[in-house]
């Protein structure tokens, strides 16, 4: 499995989680409940972001002289993190819901941008063997994370 395929597979899982959270949001009655869901998303995205950065973006940082697309994606990560942090400090359910929806929407757009622009660039830049090697590293890290739980 190539690293890009592994990361896209994670995106698919996250999009399903986002759908479930969006379906649950109207039934939540306290800011604390909404904040808890934001923390779940934060944890998932933090691990995913680390894997992307370690296994794909760092390689591209060294290859690309013009890093505009990657800079934009790093900025996206910061914006999503900021939205999620603001959910935790929201005082009302309405505000928390709106902020969480904003964070989820930003993450969806971010994933789409990666899949349309960055992942094809990674596949064009790296040789097929490197893509598979990075995919194997991703698999090994995930297997190690499961064993450690």
C-alpha atoms as a PDB file:
ATOM      1  CA  UNK A   1       0.000   0.000   0.000  1.00  0.00           C
ATOM      2  CA  UNK A   2       1.310   3.440  -0.931  1.00  0.00           C
ATOM      3  CA  UNK A   3       1.452   6.152   1.715  1.00  0.00           C
ATOM      4  CA  UNK A   4      -1.075   8.211  -0.237  1.00  0.00           C
ATOM      5  CA  UNK A   5      -3.516   5.293  -0.234  1.00  0.00           C
ATOM      6  CA  UNK A   6      -3.082   4.869   3.516  1.00  0.00           C
ATOM      7  CA  UNK A   7      -3.738   8.549   4.173  1.00  0.00           C
ATOM      8  CA  UNK A   8      -6.793   8.552   1.911  1.00  0.00           C
ATOM      9  CA  UNK A   9      -8.114   5.513   3.800  1.00  0.00           C
ATOM     10  CA  UNK A  10      -7.780   7.490   7.039  1.00  0.00           C
ATOM     11  CA  UNK A  11      -9.654  10.384   5.432  1.00  0.00           C
ATOM     12  CA  UNK A  12     -12.539   8.064   4.558  1.00  0.00           C
ATOM     13  CA  UNK A  13     -12.746   6.857   8.162  1.00  0.00           C
ATOM     14  CA  UNK A  14     -12.626  10.415   9.516  1.00  0.00           C
ATOM     15  CA  UNK A  15     -15.344  11.568   7.135  1.00  0.00           C
ATOM     16  CA  UNK A  16     -17.579   8.795   8.469  1.00  0.00           C
ATOM     17  CA  UNK A  17     -16.810   9.856  12.049  1.00  0.00           C
ATOM     18  CA  UNK A  18     -17.583  13.474  11.104  1.00  0.00           C
ATOM     19  CA  UNK A  19     -20.951  12.398   9.662  1.00  0.00           C
ATOM     20  CA  UNK A  20     -21.818  10.615  12.906  1.00  0.00           C
ATOM     21  CA  UNK A  21     -20.792  13.590  15.027  1.00  0.00           C
ATOM     22  CA  UNK A  22     -22.809  15.987  12.879  1.00  0.00           C
ATOM     23  CA  UNK A  23     -25.820  13.686  13.258  1.00  0.00           C
ATOM     24  CA  UNK A  24     -25.384  13.662  17.049  1.00  0.00           C
ATOM     25  CA  UNK A  25     -24.885  17.428  17.463  1.00  0.00           C
ATOM     26  CA  UNK A  26     -28.566  18.463  17.479  1.00  0.00           C
ATOM     27  CA  UNK A  27     -29.299  16.097  20.372  1.00  0.00           C
ATOM     28  CA  UNK A  28     -26.549  17.393  22.646  1.00  0.00           C
ATOM     29  CA  UNK A  29     -27.688  19.608  25.478  1.00  0.00           C
ATOM     30  CA  UNK A  30     -24.522  20.959  27.117  1.00  0.00           C
ATOM     31  CA  UNK A  31     -21.360  22.715  25.944  1.00  0.00           C
ATOM     32  CA  UNK A  32     -19.385  19.986  27.759  1.00  0.00           C
ATOM     33  CA  UNK A  33     -20.855  17.295  25.515  1.00  0.00           C
ATOM     34  CA  UNK A  34     -19.923  19.270  22.417  1.00  0.00           C
ATOM     35  CA  UNK A  35     -16.465  19.933  23.823  1.00  0.00           C
ATOM     36  CA  UNK A  36     -15.964  16.205  24.354  1.00  0.00           C
ATOM     37  CA  UNK A  37     -16.705  15.523  20.694  1.00  0.00           C
ATOM     38  CA  UNK A  38     -14.271  18.273  19.715  1.00  0.00           C
ATOM     39  CA  UNK A  39     -11.579  16.568  21.814  1.00  0.00           C
ATOM     40  CA  UNK A  40     -12.268  13.273  20.055  1.00  0.00           C
ATOM     41  CA  UNK A  41     -11.796  14.958  16.674  1.00  0.00           C
ATOM     42  CA  UNK A  42      -8.681  16.742  17.936  1.00  0.00           C
ATOM     43  CA  UNK A  43      -7.107  13.474  18.996  1.00  0.00           C
ATOM     44  CA  UNK A  44      -7.852  11.765  15.698  1.00  0.00           C
ATOM     45  CA  UNK A  45      -6.613  14.682  13.618  1.00  0.00           C
ATOM     46  CA  UNK A  46      -3.501  15.199  15.735  1.00  0.00           C
ATOM     47  CA  UNK A  47      -2.336  11.624  15.171  1.00  0.00           C
ATOM     48  CA  UNK A  48      -3.231  11.841  11.473  1.00  0.00           C
ATOM     49  CA  UNK A  49      -1.445  15.170  11.070  1.00  0.00           C
ATOM     50  CA  UNK A  50       1.695  13.774  12.680  1.00  0.00           C
ATOM     51  CA  UNK A  51       1.694  10.799  10.312  1.00  0.00           C
ATOM     52  CA  UNK A  52       1.147  13.034   7.286  1.00  0.00           C
ATOM     53  CA  UNK A  53       3.905  15.385   8.332  1.00  0.00           C
ATOM     54  CA  UNK A  54       6.386  12.645   9.221  1.00  0.00           C
ATOM     55  CA  UNK A  55       5.726  10.357   6.274  1.00  0.00           C
ATOM     56  CA  UNK A  56       4.675  12.622   3.418  1.00  0.00           C
ATOM     57  CA  UNK A  57       5.045  16.358   3.963  1.00  0.00           C
ATOM     58  CA  UNK A  58       8.629  16.287   5.276  1.00  0.00           C
ATOM     59  CA  UNK A  59       9.710  14.347   2.224  1.00  0.00           C
ATOM     60  CA  UNK A  60       7.972  16.895   0.014  1.00  0.00           C
ATOM     61  CA  UNK A  61       9.469  19.820   1.944  1.00  0.00           C
ATOM     62  CA  UNK A  62      12.906  18.638   0.871  1.00  0.00           C
ATOM     63  CA  UNK A  63      11.873  18.037  -2.730  1.00  0.00           C
ATOM     64  CA  UNK A  64       9.879  21.164  -3.492  1.00  0.00           C
ATOM     65  CA  UNK A  65      11.581  24.475  -4.020  1.00  0.00           C
ATOM     66  CA  UNK A  66       8.186  26.200  -4.130  1.00  0.00           C
ATOM     67  CA  UNK A  67       6.271  25.087  -1.027  1.00  0.00           C
ATOM     68  CA  UNK A  68       3.103  27.141  -1.472  1.00  0.00           C
ATOM     69  CA  UNK A  69       0.701  24.162  -1.453  1.00  0.00           C
ATOM     70  CA  UNK A  70       2.359  22.610   1.587  1.00  0.00           C
ATOM     71  CA  UNK A  71       2.447  25.929   3.424  1.00  0.00           C
ATOM     72  CA  UNK A  72      -1.306  26.220   2.806  1.00  0.00           C
ATOM     73  CA  UNK A  73      -1.914  22.765   4.242  1.00  0.00           C
ATOM     74  CA  UNK A  74       0.151  23.516   7.347  1.00  0.00           C
ATOM     75  CA  UNK A  75      -1.958  26.678   7.755  1.00  0.00           C
ATOM     76  CA  UNK A  76      -5.120  24.575   7.372  1.00  0.00           C
ATOM     77  CA  UNK A  77      -3.945  22.357  10.234  1.00  0.00           C
ATOM     78  CA  UNK A  78      -3.482  25.409  12.466  1.00  0.00           C
ATOM     79  CA  UNK A  79      -6.917  26.799  11.545  1.00  0.00           C
ATOM     80  CA  UNK A  80      -8.673  23.508  12.269  1.00  0.00           C
ATOM     81  CA  UNK A  81      -6.842  23.252  15.596  1.00  0.00           C
ATOM     82  CA  UNK A  82      -7.926  26.812  16.436  1.00  0.00           C
ATOM     83  CA  UNK A  83     -11.591  26.072  15.651  1.00  0.00           C
ATOM     84  CA  UNK A  84     -11.502  22.986  17.858  1.00  0.00           C
ATOM     85  CA  UNK A  85      -9.828  24.873  20.711  1.00  0.00           C
ATOM     86  CA  UNK A  86     -12.529  27.541  20.520  1.00  0.00           C
ATOM     87  CA  UNK A  87     -15.207  24.844  20.897  1.00  0.00           C
ATOM     88  CA  UNK A  88     -13.745  23.989  24.298  1.00  0.00           C
ATOM     89  CA  UNK A  89     -14.163  27.571  25.483  1.00  0.00           C
ATOM     90  CA  UNK A  90     -17.651  28.098  24.068  1.00  0.00           C
ATOM     91  CA  UNK A  91     -20.279  29.080  26.616  1.00  0.00           C
ATOM     92  CA  UNK A  92     -23.405  27.933  24.787  1.00  0.00           C
ATOM     93  CA  UNK A  93     -24.448  24.840  22.872  1.00  0.00           C
ATOM     94  CA  UNK A  94     -25.283  26.958  19.845  1.00  0.00           C
ATOM     95  CA  UNK A  95     -21.818  28.510  19.752  1.00  0.00           C
ATOM     96  CA  UNK A  96     -20.125  25.146  20.339  1.00  0.00           C
ATOM     97  CA  UNK A  97     -22.163  23.459  17.597  1.00  0.00           C
ATOM     98  CA  UNK A  98     -21.374  26.228  15.128  1.00  0.00           C
ATOM     99  CA  UNK A  99     -17.659  26.098  15.896  1.00  0.00           C
ATOM    100  CA  UNK A 100     -17.538  22.316  15.707  1.00  0.00           C
ATOM    101  CA  UNK A 101     -19.370  22.375  12.371  1.00  0.00           C
ATOM    102  CA  UNK A 102     -16.872  24.973  11.170  1.00  0.00           C
ATOM    103  CA  UNK A 103     -13.940  22.776  12.229  1.00  0.00           C
ATOM    104  CA  UNK A 104     -15.440  19.713  10.548  1.00  0.00           C
ATOM    105  CA  UNK A 105     -16.106  21.684   7.366  1.00  0.00           C
ATOM    106  CA  UNK A 106     -12.531  22.980   7.350  1.00  0.00           C
ATOM    107  CA  UNK A 107     -11.193  19.443   7.839  1.00  0.00           C
ATOM    108  CA  UNK A 108     -13.338  18.144   4.962  1.00  0.00           C
ATOM    109  CA  UNK A 109     -12.007  20.890   2.676  1.00  0.00           C
ATOM    110  CA  UNK A 110      -8.472  20.194   3.841  1.00  0.00           C
ATOM    111  CA  UNK A 111      -8.776  16.483   3.030  1.00  0.00           C
ATOM    112  CA  UNK A 112     -10.178  17.304  -0.396  1.00  0.00           C
ATOM    113  CA  UNK A 113      -7.295  19.690  -1.100  1.00  0.00           C
ATOM    114  CA  UNK A 114      -4.747  17.070  -0.109  1.00  0.00           C
ATOM    115  CA  UNK A 115      -6.360  14.420  -2.263  1.00  0.00           C
ATOM    116  CA  UNK A 116      -6.733  16.699  -5.297  1.00  0.00           C
ATOM    117  CA  UNK A 117      -3.425  18.573  -5.158  1.00  0.00           C
ATOM    118  CA  UNK A 118      -0.846  17.270  -2.709  1.00  0.00           C
ATOM    119  CA  UNK A 119      -1.183  13.501  -2.956  1.00  0.00           C
ATOM    120  CA  UNK A 120      -0.902  13.509  -6.779  1.00  0.00           C
ATOM    121  CA  UNK A 121       2.169  15.722  -6.416  1.00  0.00           C
ATOM    122  CA  UNK A 122       3.662  13.274  -3.918  1.00  0.00           C
ATOM    123  CA  UNK A 123       2.989  10.394  -6.317  1.00  0.00           C
ATOM    124  CA  UNK A 124       4.574  12.286  -9.216  1.00  0.00           C
ATOM    125  CA  UNK A 125       7.631  13.269  -7.188  1.00  0.00           C
ATOM    126  CA  UNK A 126       8.507  10.097  -5.291  1.00  0.00           C
ATOM    127  CA  UNK A 127       9.334   6.810  -6.921  1.00  0.00           C
ATOM    128  CA  UNK A 128       6.832   3.958  -6.511  1.00  0.00           C
ATOM    129  CA  UNK A 129       9.129   2.011  -4.188  1.00  0.00           C
ATOM    130  CA  UNK A 130       9.427   4.965  -1.813  1.00  0.00           C
ATOM    131  CA  UNK A 131       5.641   5.399  -1.771  1.00  0.00           C
ATOM    132  CA  UNK A 132       5.236   1.735  -0.799  1.00  0.00           C
ATOM    133  CA  UNK A 133       8.047   1.926   1.785  1.00  0.00           C
ATOM    134  CA  UNK A 134       6.383   4.933   3.424  1.00  0.00           C
ATOM    135  CA  UNK A 135       3.069   3.073   3.336  1.00  0.00           C
ATOM    136  CA  UNK A 136       4.720   0.166   5.128  1.00  0.00           C
ATOM    137  CA  UNK A 137       6.085   2.522   7.789  1.00  0.00           C
ATOM    138  CA  UNK A 138       2.537   3.847   8.232  1.00  0.00           C
ATOM    139  CA  UNK A 139       1.202   0.282   8.623  1.00  0.00           C
ATOM    140  CA  UNK A 140       3.942  -0.627  11.109  1.00  0.00           C
ATOM    141  CA  UNK A 141       3.293   2.489  13.204  1.00  0.00           C
ATOM    142  CA  UNK A 142      -0.422   1.761  13.321  1.00  0.00           C
ATOM    143  CA  UNK A 143       0.206  -1.881  14.238  1.00  0.00           C
ATOM    144  CA  UNK A 144       2.575  -0.734  17.014  1.00  0.00           C
ATOM    145  CA  UNK A 145      -0.042   1.717  18.295  1.00  0.00           C
ATOM    146  CA  UNK A 146      -2.611  -1.070  18.509  1.00  0.00           C
ATOM    147  CA  UNK A 147      -0.247  -3.363  20.418  1.00  0.00           C
ATOM    148  CA  UNK A 148       0.552  -0.592  22.910  1.00  0.00           C
ATOM    149  CA  UNK A 149      -3.106  -0.031  23.805  1.00  0.00           C
END
